[in-house]
């Protein structure tokens, strides 16, 4: 128990202590034994408490693990049924249908934008043509 350090106050100890008295004092030997016993008891209690906590944690973990395993087994059973397969097929069908609707909507928006795009191109070409005509007119007038 040399790793334990501390101060002990006792009325049975004299205030002036010599090295010889410390080595021969029965009171100090009794105090030292009692302190060692108390420390050992505290360490054992701490170990028991820690072991109890560890055991509780392990039990909780095992319980959660069992619940997870039961849930997984239940899901596997459900997945092997025709009803589950039909449900998954319907979900996939619905997803595909929504994707097709989304693509149709995008296609429609693109088709609606074509006339505006065409008009913009026509306006741009007309503008370029007018600029070209004005340049030609200026060159002929010079």
N, C-alpha and C. Protein backbone atom coordinates (compact mmCIF):
# COMPACT_ATOMS: atom_id res chain seq x y z
N UNK A 1 0.82 -1.20 0.00
CA UNK A 1 0.00 0.00 0.00
C UNK A 1 0.86 1.27 0.00
N UNK A 2 2.01 1.16 -0.57
CA UNK A 2 2.91 2.31 -0.57
C UNK A 2 2.43 3.42 -1.50
N UNK A 3 1.49 3.08 -2.40
CA UNK A 3 1.00 4.10 -3.33
C UNK A 3 -0.01 5.04 -2.67
N UNK A 4 -0.45 4.68 -1.43
CA UNK A 4 -1.42 5.50 -0.71
C UNK A 4 -0.67 6.51 0.14
N UNK A 5 -1.04 7.75 0.00
CA UNK A 5 -0.42 8.82 0.78
C UNK A 5 -1.54 9.60 1.46
N UNK A 6 -1.24 10.11 2.66
CA UNK A 6 -2.24 10.91 3.34
C UNK A 6 -1.78 11.31 4.73
N UNK A 7 -2.66 11.95 5.44
CA UNK A 7 -2.38 12.43 6.79
C UNK A 7 -3.39 11.78 7.72
N UNK A 8 -2.91 11.30 8.87
CA UNK A 8 -3.78 10.69 9.86
C UNK A 8 -3.69 11.51 11.14
N UNK A 9 -4.84 11.87 11.66
CA UNK A 9 -4.89 12.63 12.92
C UNK A 9 -5.42 11.69 14.00
N UNK A 10 -4.69 11.64 15.12
CA UNK A 10 -5.10 10.75 16.20
C UNK A 10 -4.72 11.40 17.52
N UNK A 11 -5.63 11.32 18.49
CA UNK A 11 -5.38 11.92 19.80
C UNK A 11 -4.34 11.12 20.59
N UNK A 12 -4.14 9.84 20.25
CA UNK A 12 -3.20 8.99 20.98
C UNK A 12 -1.74 9.26 20.60
N UNK A 13 -1.51 10.01 19.53
CA UNK A 13 -0.13 10.29 19.10
C UNK A 13 0.36 11.57 19.75
N UNK A 14 1.60 11.56 20.24
CA UNK A 14 2.15 12.80 20.81
C UNK A 14 2.51 13.78 19.69
N UNK A 15 2.60 15.04 20.03
CA UNK A 15 2.91 16.07 19.03
C UNK A 15 4.37 16.00 18.59
N UNK A 16 5.27 15.73 19.50
CA UNK A 16 6.68 15.61 19.17
C UNK A 16 6.98 14.14 18.92
N UNK A 17 7.35 13.83 17.68
CA UNK A 17 7.55 12.44 17.31
C UNK A 17 8.98 12.26 16.82
N UNK A 18 9.62 11.23 17.33
CA UNK A 18 10.97 10.92 16.87
C UNK A 18 10.92 9.71 15.95
N UNK A 19 12.01 9.51 15.23
CA UNK A 19 12.08 8.37 14.32
C UNK A 19 11.97 7.05 15.09
N UNK A 20 12.63 6.98 16.23
CA UNK A 20 12.61 5.77 17.05
C UNK A 20 11.19 5.47 17.52
N UNK A 21 10.49 6.51 17.94
CA UNK A 21 9.12 6.32 18.41
C UNK A 21 8.21 5.83 17.28
N UNK A 22 8.41 6.37 16.07
CA UNK A 22 7.60 5.95 14.92
C UNK A 22 7.83 4.48 14.61
N UNK A 23 9.05 4.02 14.77
CA UNK A 23 9.38 2.63 14.45
C UNK A 23 8.89 1.67 15.53
N UNK A 24 8.77 2.11 16.77
CA UNK A 24 8.43 1.23 17.87
C UNK A 24 6.99 1.38 18.36
N UNK A 25 6.27 2.37 17.92
CA UNK A 25 4.93 2.67 18.44
C UNK A 25 3.91 1.61 18.02
N UNK A 26 3.27 0.99 19.03
CA UNK A 26 2.21 0.01 18.76
C UNK A 26 0.97 0.71 18.20
N UNK A 27 0.72 1.90 18.66
CA UNK A 27 -0.44 2.66 18.19
C UNK A 27 -0.34 2.90 16.69
N UNK A 28 0.85 3.27 16.21
CA UNK A 28 1.03 3.52 14.78
C UNK A 28 0.87 2.24 13.97
N UNK A 29 1.34 1.13 14.52
CA UNK A 29 1.19 -0.14 13.81
C UNK A 29 -0.28 -0.53 13.70
N UNK A 30 -1.04 -0.31 14.78
CA UNK A 30 -2.48 -0.62 14.76
C UNK A 30 -3.19 0.30 13.76
N UNK A 31 -2.86 1.58 13.79
CA UNK A 31 -3.47 2.54 12.85
C UNK A 31 -3.14 2.14 11.42
N UNK A 32 -1.89 1.77 11.17
CA UNK A 32 -1.47 1.38 9.82
C UNK A 32 -2.25 0.15 9.35
N UNK A 33 -2.41 -0.86 10.23
CA UNK A 33 -3.16 -2.06 9.85
C UNK A 33 -4.62 -1.72 9.55
N UNK A 34 -5.22 -0.88 10.39
CA UNK A 34 -6.63 -0.52 10.18
C UNK A 34 -6.80 0.27 8.87
N UNK A 35 -5.86 1.15 8.61
CA UNK A 35 -5.94 1.93 7.36
C UNK A 35 -5.80 1.00 6.15
N UNK A 36 -4.87 0.07 6.22
CA UNK A 36 -4.68 -0.88 5.11
C UNK A 36 -5.95 -1.70 4.91
N UNK A 37 -6.53 -2.20 6.00
CA UNK A 37 -7.77 -2.98 5.90
C UNK A 37 -8.89 -2.14 5.28
N UNK A 38 -8.99 -0.90 5.74
CA UNK A 38 -10.04 -0.01 5.22
C UNK A 38 -9.85 0.25 3.72
N UNK A 39 -8.61 0.48 3.32
CA UNK A 39 -8.32 0.72 1.89
C UNK A 39 -8.66 -0.52 1.07
N UNK A 40 -8.25 -1.69 1.57
CA UNK A 40 -8.55 -2.94 0.85
C UNK A 40 -10.06 -3.13 0.74
N UNK A 41 -10.78 -2.88 1.83
CA UNK A 41 -12.24 -3.02 1.80
C UNK A 41 -12.87 -2.05 0.80
N UNK A 42 -12.37 -0.82 0.78
CA UNK A 42 -12.90 0.17 -0.17
C UNK A 42 -12.62 -0.26 -1.61
N UNK A 43 -11.42 -0.79 -1.86
CA UNK A 43 -11.09 -1.26 -3.21
C UNK A 43 -11.96 -2.44 -3.61
N UNK A 44 -12.21 -3.36 -2.67
CA UNK A 44 -13.08 -4.50 -2.96
C UNK A 44 -14.51 -4.04 -3.25
N UNK A 45 -15.00 -3.08 -2.45
CA UNK A 45 -16.34 -2.53 -2.68
C UNK A 45 -16.43 -1.87 -4.05
N UNK A 46 -15.38 -1.12 -4.38
CA UNK A 46 -15.35 -0.45 -5.68
C UNK A 46 -15.32 -1.47 -6.81
N UNK A 47 -14.54 -2.53 -6.64
CA UNK A 47 -14.48 -3.58 -7.67
C UNK A 47 -15.82 -4.28 -7.81
N UNK A 48 -16.48 -4.56 -6.68
CA UNK A 48 -17.79 -5.21 -6.72
C UNK A 48 -18.81 -4.31 -7.41
N UNK A 49 -18.75 -3.04 -7.06
CA UNK A 49 -19.68 -2.08 -7.68
C UNK A 49 -19.40 -1.97 -9.18
N UNK A 50 -18.14 -1.92 -9.54
CA UNK A 50 -17.78 -1.85 -10.96
C UNK A 50 -18.21 -3.11 -11.69
N UNK A 51 -18.02 -4.27 -11.05
CA UNK A 51 -18.43 -5.53 -11.66
C UNK A 51 -19.94 -5.56 -11.85
N UNK A 52 -20.65 -5.04 -10.85
CA UNK A 52 -22.12 -4.99 -10.94
C UNK A 52 -22.53 -4.10 -12.12
N UNK A 53 -21.88 -2.96 -12.24
CA UNK A 53 -22.17 -2.05 -13.35
C UNK A 53 -21.85 -2.71 -14.69
N UNK A 54 -20.72 -3.40 -14.75
CA UNK A 54 -20.34 -4.09 -15.98
C UNK A 54 -21.36 -5.17 -16.32
N UNK A 55 -21.76 -5.94 -15.31
CA UNK A 55 -22.76 -7.00 -15.54
C UNK A 55 -24.08 -6.43 -16.02
N UNK A 56 -24.51 -5.31 -15.43
CA UNK A 56 -25.76 -4.67 -15.86
C UNK A 56 -25.64 -4.20 -17.31
N UNK A 57 -24.52 -3.62 -17.65
CA UNK A 57 -24.30 -3.14 -19.02
C UNK A 57 -24.32 -4.31 -20.00
N UNK A 58 -23.68 -5.41 -19.62
CA UNK A 58 -23.66 -6.59 -20.49
C UNK A 58 -25.07 -7.14 -20.67
N UNK A 59 -25.84 -7.19 -19.59
CA UNK A 59 -27.22 -7.69 -19.68
C UNK A 59 -28.05 -6.81 -20.61
N UNK A 60 -27.91 -5.49 -20.47
CA UNK A 60 -28.64 -4.57 -21.34
C UNK A 60 -28.23 -4.77 -22.79
N UNK A 61 -26.93 -4.90 -23.02
CA UNK A 61 -26.43 -5.10 -24.38
C UNK A 61 -26.97 -6.40 -24.97
N UNK A 62 -26.95 -7.47 -24.17
CA UNK A 62 -27.47 -8.76 -24.66
C UNK A 62 -28.96 -8.67 -24.95
N UNK A 63 -29.69 -7.95 -24.10
CA UNK A 63 -31.13 -7.78 -24.32
C UNK A 63 -31.38 -7.04 -25.63
N UNK A 64 -30.65 -5.95 -25.84
CA UNK A 64 -30.79 -5.19 -27.09
C UNK A 64 -30.40 -6.04 -28.29
N UNK A 65 -29.35 -6.82 -28.13
CA UNK A 65 -28.89 -7.68 -29.22
C UNK A 65 -29.96 -8.72 -29.56
N UNK A 66 -30.57 -9.31 -28.53
CA UNK A 66 -31.64 -10.29 -28.75
C UNK A 66 -32.84 -9.65 -29.45
N UNK A 67 -33.22 -8.45 -29.00
CA UNK A 67 -34.34 -7.75 -29.63
C UNK A 67 -34.04 -7.46 -31.10
N UNK A 68 -32.82 -7.02 -31.36
CA UNK A 68 -32.42 -6.72 -32.74
C UNK A 68 -32.46 -7.99 -33.58
N UNK A 69 -31.98 -9.10 -33.01
CA UNK A 69 -31.98 -10.38 -33.73
C UNK A 69 -33.42 -10.83 -34.00
N UNK A 70 -34.30 -10.70 -33.01
CA UNK A 70 -35.71 -11.08 -33.20
C UNK A 70 -36.35 -10.23 -34.30
N UNK A 71 -36.05 -8.94 -34.27
CA UNK A 71 -36.60 -8.04 -35.28
C UNK A 71 -36.09 -8.43 -36.67
N UNK A 72 -34.79 -8.75 -36.77
CA UNK A 72 -34.21 -9.16 -38.04
C UNK A 72 -34.86 -10.45 -38.54
N UNK A 73 -35.04 -11.41 -37.62
CA UNK A 73 -35.68 -12.68 -38.00
C UNK A 73 -37.11 -12.45 -38.46
N UNK A 74 -37.83 -11.56 -37.76
CA UNK A 74 -39.21 -11.25 -38.14
C UNK A 74 -39.24 -10.62 -39.53
N UNK A 75 -38.31 -9.70 -39.79
CA UNK A 75 -38.25 -9.06 -41.10
C UNK A 75 -37.94 -10.08 -42.19
N UNK A 76 -37.04 -11.01 -41.89
CA UNK A 76 -36.71 -12.04 -42.87
C UNK A 76 -37.92 -12.92 -43.15
N UNK A 77 -38.69 -13.25 -42.11
CA UNK A 77 -39.90 -14.05 -42.31
C UNK A 77 -40.89 -13.29 -43.18
N UNK A 78 -41.04 -11.99 -42.86
CA UNK A 78 -41.98 -11.18 -43.64
C UNK A 78 -41.53 -11.05 -45.09
N UNK A 79 -40.23 -10.94 -45.30
CA UNK A 79 -39.70 -10.76 -46.65
C UNK A 79 -39.91 -12.00 -47.50
N UNK A 80 -40.02 -13.13 -46.88
CA UNK A 80 -40.20 -14.37 -47.64
C UNK A 80 -41.66 -14.65 -47.97
N UNK A 81 -42.57 -13.83 -47.49
CA UNK A 81 -43.98 -14.08 -47.77
C UNK A 81 -44.37 -13.45 -49.11
N UNK A 82 -45.39 -14.01 -49.71
CA UNK A 82 -45.89 -13.49 -50.99
C UNK A 82 -46.46 -12.09 -50.80
N UNK A 83 -47.08 -11.86 -49.65
CA UNK A 83 -47.67 -10.55 -49.37
C UNK A 83 -46.59 -9.47 -49.36
N UNK A 84 -45.46 -9.76 -48.74
CA UNK A 84 -44.35 -8.82 -48.70
C UNK A 84 -43.82 -8.55 -50.10
N UNK A 85 -43.63 -9.62 -50.86
CA UNK A 85 -43.13 -9.46 -52.23
C UNK A 85 -44.08 -8.63 -53.07
N UNK A 86 -45.39 -8.86 -52.89
CA UNK A 86 -46.39 -8.09 -53.62
C UNK A 86 -46.33 -6.62 -53.21
N UNK A 87 -46.19 -6.38 -51.91
CA UNK A 87 -46.10 -5.01 -51.41
C UNK A 87 -44.88 -4.31 -52.00
N UNK A 88 -43.73 -4.97 -52.00
CA UNK A 88 -42.51 -4.39 -52.56
C UNK A 88 -42.67 -4.12 -54.06
N UNK A 89 -43.33 -5.02 -54.75
CA UNK A 89 -43.57 -4.85 -56.18
C UNK A 89 -44.45 -3.63 -56.43
N UNK A 90 -45.48 -3.47 -55.60
CA UNK A 90 -46.36 -2.31 -55.74
C UNK A 90 -45.61 -1.01 -55.44
N UNK A 91 -44.76 -1.03 -54.42
CA UNK A 91 -43.97 0.16 -54.10
C UNK A 91 -43.04 0.51 -55.26
N UNK A 92 -42.42 -0.48 -55.84
CA UNK A 92 -41.52 -0.25 -56.97
C UNK A 92 -42.31 0.28 -58.17
N UNK A 93 -43.47 -0.27 -58.38
CA UNK A 93 -44.33 0.18 -59.49
C UNK A 93 -44.73 1.64 -59.28
N UNK A 94 -45.06 2.00 -58.05
CA UNK A 94 -45.44 3.38 -57.74
C UNK A 94 -44.25 4.32 -57.94
N UNK A 95 -43.08 3.88 -57.53
CA UNK A 95 -41.88 4.69 -57.70
C UNK A 95 -41.59 4.93 -59.18
N UNK A 96 -41.71 3.88 -59.99
CA UNK A 96 -41.48 4.00 -61.43
C UNK A 96 -42.51 4.94 -62.05
N UNK A 97 -43.75 4.81 -61.61
CA UNK A 97 -44.83 5.66 -62.13
C UNK A 97 -44.54 7.13 -61.81
N UNK A 98 -44.12 7.41 -60.59
CA UNK A 98 -43.80 8.78 -60.21
C UNK A 98 -42.62 9.31 -61.02
N UNK A 99 -41.64 8.48 -61.25
CA UNK A 99 -40.48 8.88 -62.05
C UNK A 99 -40.90 9.19 -63.49
N UNK A 100 -41.79 8.38 -64.04
CA UNK A 100 -42.28 8.63 -65.40
C UNK A 100 -43.07 9.93 -65.46
N UNK A 101 -43.90 10.18 -64.44
CA UNK A 101 -44.66 11.43 -64.40
C UNK A 101 -43.72 12.63 -64.33
N UNK A 102 -42.67 12.49 -63.55
CA UNK A 102 -41.69 13.56 -63.43
C UNK A 102 -41.02 13.82 -64.78
N UNK A 103 -40.65 12.76 -65.48
CA UNK A 103 -40.02 12.91 -66.79
C UNK A 103 -40.98 13.52 -67.80
N UNK A 104 -42.25 13.12 -67.73
CA UNK A 104 -43.26 13.69 -68.64
C UNK A 104 -43.42 15.18 -68.38
N UNK A 105 -43.42 15.56 -67.12
CA UNK A 105 -43.57 16.98 -66.77
C UNK A 105 -42.38 17.78 -67.30
N UNK A 106 -41.17 17.23 -67.14
CA UNK A 106 -39.98 17.91 -67.66
C UNK A 106 -40.04 18.03 -69.18
N UNK A 107 -40.49 16.98 -69.82
CA UNK A 107 -40.61 16.98 -71.28
C UNK A 107 -41.61 18.04 -71.72
N UNK A 108 -42.74 18.12 -71.00
CA UNK A 108 -43.77 19.11 -71.32
C UNK A 108 -43.23 20.52 -71.16
N UNK A 109 -42.49 20.75 -70.07
CA UNK A 109 -41.91 22.08 -69.85
C UNK A 109 -40.93 22.45 -70.96
N UNK A 110 -40.15 21.48 -71.40
CA UNK A 110 -39.22 21.74 -72.49
C UNK A 110 -39.97 22.07 -73.78
N UNK A 111 -41.05 21.33 -74.05
CA UNK A 111 -41.83 21.61 -75.26
C UNK A 111 -42.50 22.97 -75.18
N UNK A 112 -42.92 23.36 -73.99
CA UNK A 112 -43.53 24.68 -73.82
C UNK A 112 -42.50 25.79 -74.01
N UNK A 113 -41.25 25.50 -73.69
CA UNK A 113 -40.20 26.50 -73.84
C UNK A 113 -39.74 26.66 -75.28
N UNK A 114 -39.99 25.68 -76.13
CA UNK A 114 -39.52 25.73 -77.52
C UNK A 114 -40.06 26.94 -78.28
N UNK A 115 -41.38 27.25 -78.21
CA UNK A 115 -41.85 28.43 -78.95
C UNK A 115 -41.16 29.71 -78.48
N UNK A 116 -40.96 29.85 -77.19
CA UNK A 116 -40.29 31.05 -76.67
C UNK A 116 -38.85 31.09 -77.16
N UNK A 117 -38.21 29.95 -77.16
CA UNK A 117 -36.83 29.87 -77.64
C UNK A 117 -36.77 30.19 -79.13
N UNK A 118 -37.72 29.63 -79.87
CA UNK A 118 -37.76 29.89 -81.31
C UNK A 118 -37.97 31.38 -81.58
N UNK A 119 -38.89 32.00 -80.85
CA UNK A 119 -39.16 33.43 -81.03
C UNK A 119 -37.92 34.25 -80.68
N UNK A 120 -37.21 33.86 -79.64
CA UNK A 120 -35.99 34.56 -79.25
C UNK A 120 -34.94 34.47 -80.36
N UNK A 121 -34.82 33.29 -80.94
CA UNK A 121 -33.86 33.11 -82.04
C UNK A 121 -34.25 33.96 -83.24
N UNK A 122 -35.54 33.97 -83.56
CA UNK A 122 -36.03 34.78 -84.69
C UNK A 122 -35.74 36.25 -84.44
N UNK A 123 -36.03 36.72 -83.22
CA UNK A 123 -35.78 38.12 -82.88
C UNK A 123 -34.29 38.45 -83.00
N UNK A 124 -33.44 37.54 -82.56
CA UNK A 124 -32.00 37.75 -82.62
C UNK A 124 -31.53 37.83 -84.08
N UNK A 125 -32.03 36.91 -84.90
CA UNK A 125 -31.65 36.91 -86.32
C UNK A 125 -32.13 38.20 -86.99
N UNK A 126 -33.38 38.62 -86.69
CA UNK A 126 -33.89 39.88 -87.25
C UNK A 126 -33.01 41.06 -86.83
N UNK A 127 -32.62 41.09 -85.59
CA UNK A 127 -31.78 42.16 -85.08
C UNK A 127 -30.44 42.18 -85.81
N UNK A 128 -29.83 41.00 -85.95
CA UNK A 128 -28.56 40.90 -86.66
C UNK A 128 -28.72 41.35 -88.12
N UNK A 129 -29.83 40.98 -88.73
CA UNK A 129 -30.09 41.35 -90.12
C UNK A 129 -30.23 42.87 -90.24
N UNK A 130 -30.94 43.49 -89.32
CA UNK A 130 -31.11 44.95 -89.34
C UNK A 130 -29.76 45.65 -89.19
N UNK A 131 -28.93 45.14 -88.28
CA UNK A 131 -27.61 45.74 -88.08
C UNK A 131 -26.79 45.62 -89.36
N UNK A 132 -26.84 44.48 -90.00
CA UNK A 132 -26.10 44.26 -91.24
C UNK A 132 -26.59 45.22 -92.33
N UNK A 133 -27.93 45.39 -92.41
CA UNK A 133 -28.49 46.30 -93.43
C UNK A 133 -28.03 47.73 -93.18
N UNK A 134 -28.05 48.14 -91.92
CA UNK A 134 -27.63 49.51 -91.59
C UNK A 134 -26.16 49.71 -91.95
N UNK A 135 -25.32 48.72 -91.71
CA UNK A 135 -23.91 48.83 -92.06
C UNK A 135 -23.74 48.92 -93.58
N UNK A 136 -24.52 48.11 -94.30
CA UNK A 136 -24.45 48.15 -95.76
C UNK A 136 -24.90 49.51 -96.29
N UNK A 137 -25.97 50.06 -95.72
CA UNK A 137 -26.48 51.36 -96.15
C UNK A 137 -25.44 52.45 -95.89
N UNK A 138 -24.74 52.39 -94.80
CA UNK A 138 -23.72 53.38 -94.48
C UNK A 138 -22.55 53.30 -95.48
N UNK A 139 -22.18 52.08 -95.83
CA UNK A 139 -21.07 51.92 -96.75
C UNK A 139 -21.45 52.42 -98.16
N UNK A 140 -22.70 52.22 -98.57
CA UNK A 140 -23.13 52.68 -99.90
C UNK A 140 -23.28 54.20 -99.92
N UNK A 141 -23.62 54.76 -98.80
CA UNK A 141 -23.79 56.20 -98.78
C UNK A 141 -22.44 56.92 -98.75
N UNK A 142 -21.40 56.27 -98.40
CA UNK A 142 -20.07 56.89 -98.40
C UNK A 142 -19.51 56.83 -99.75
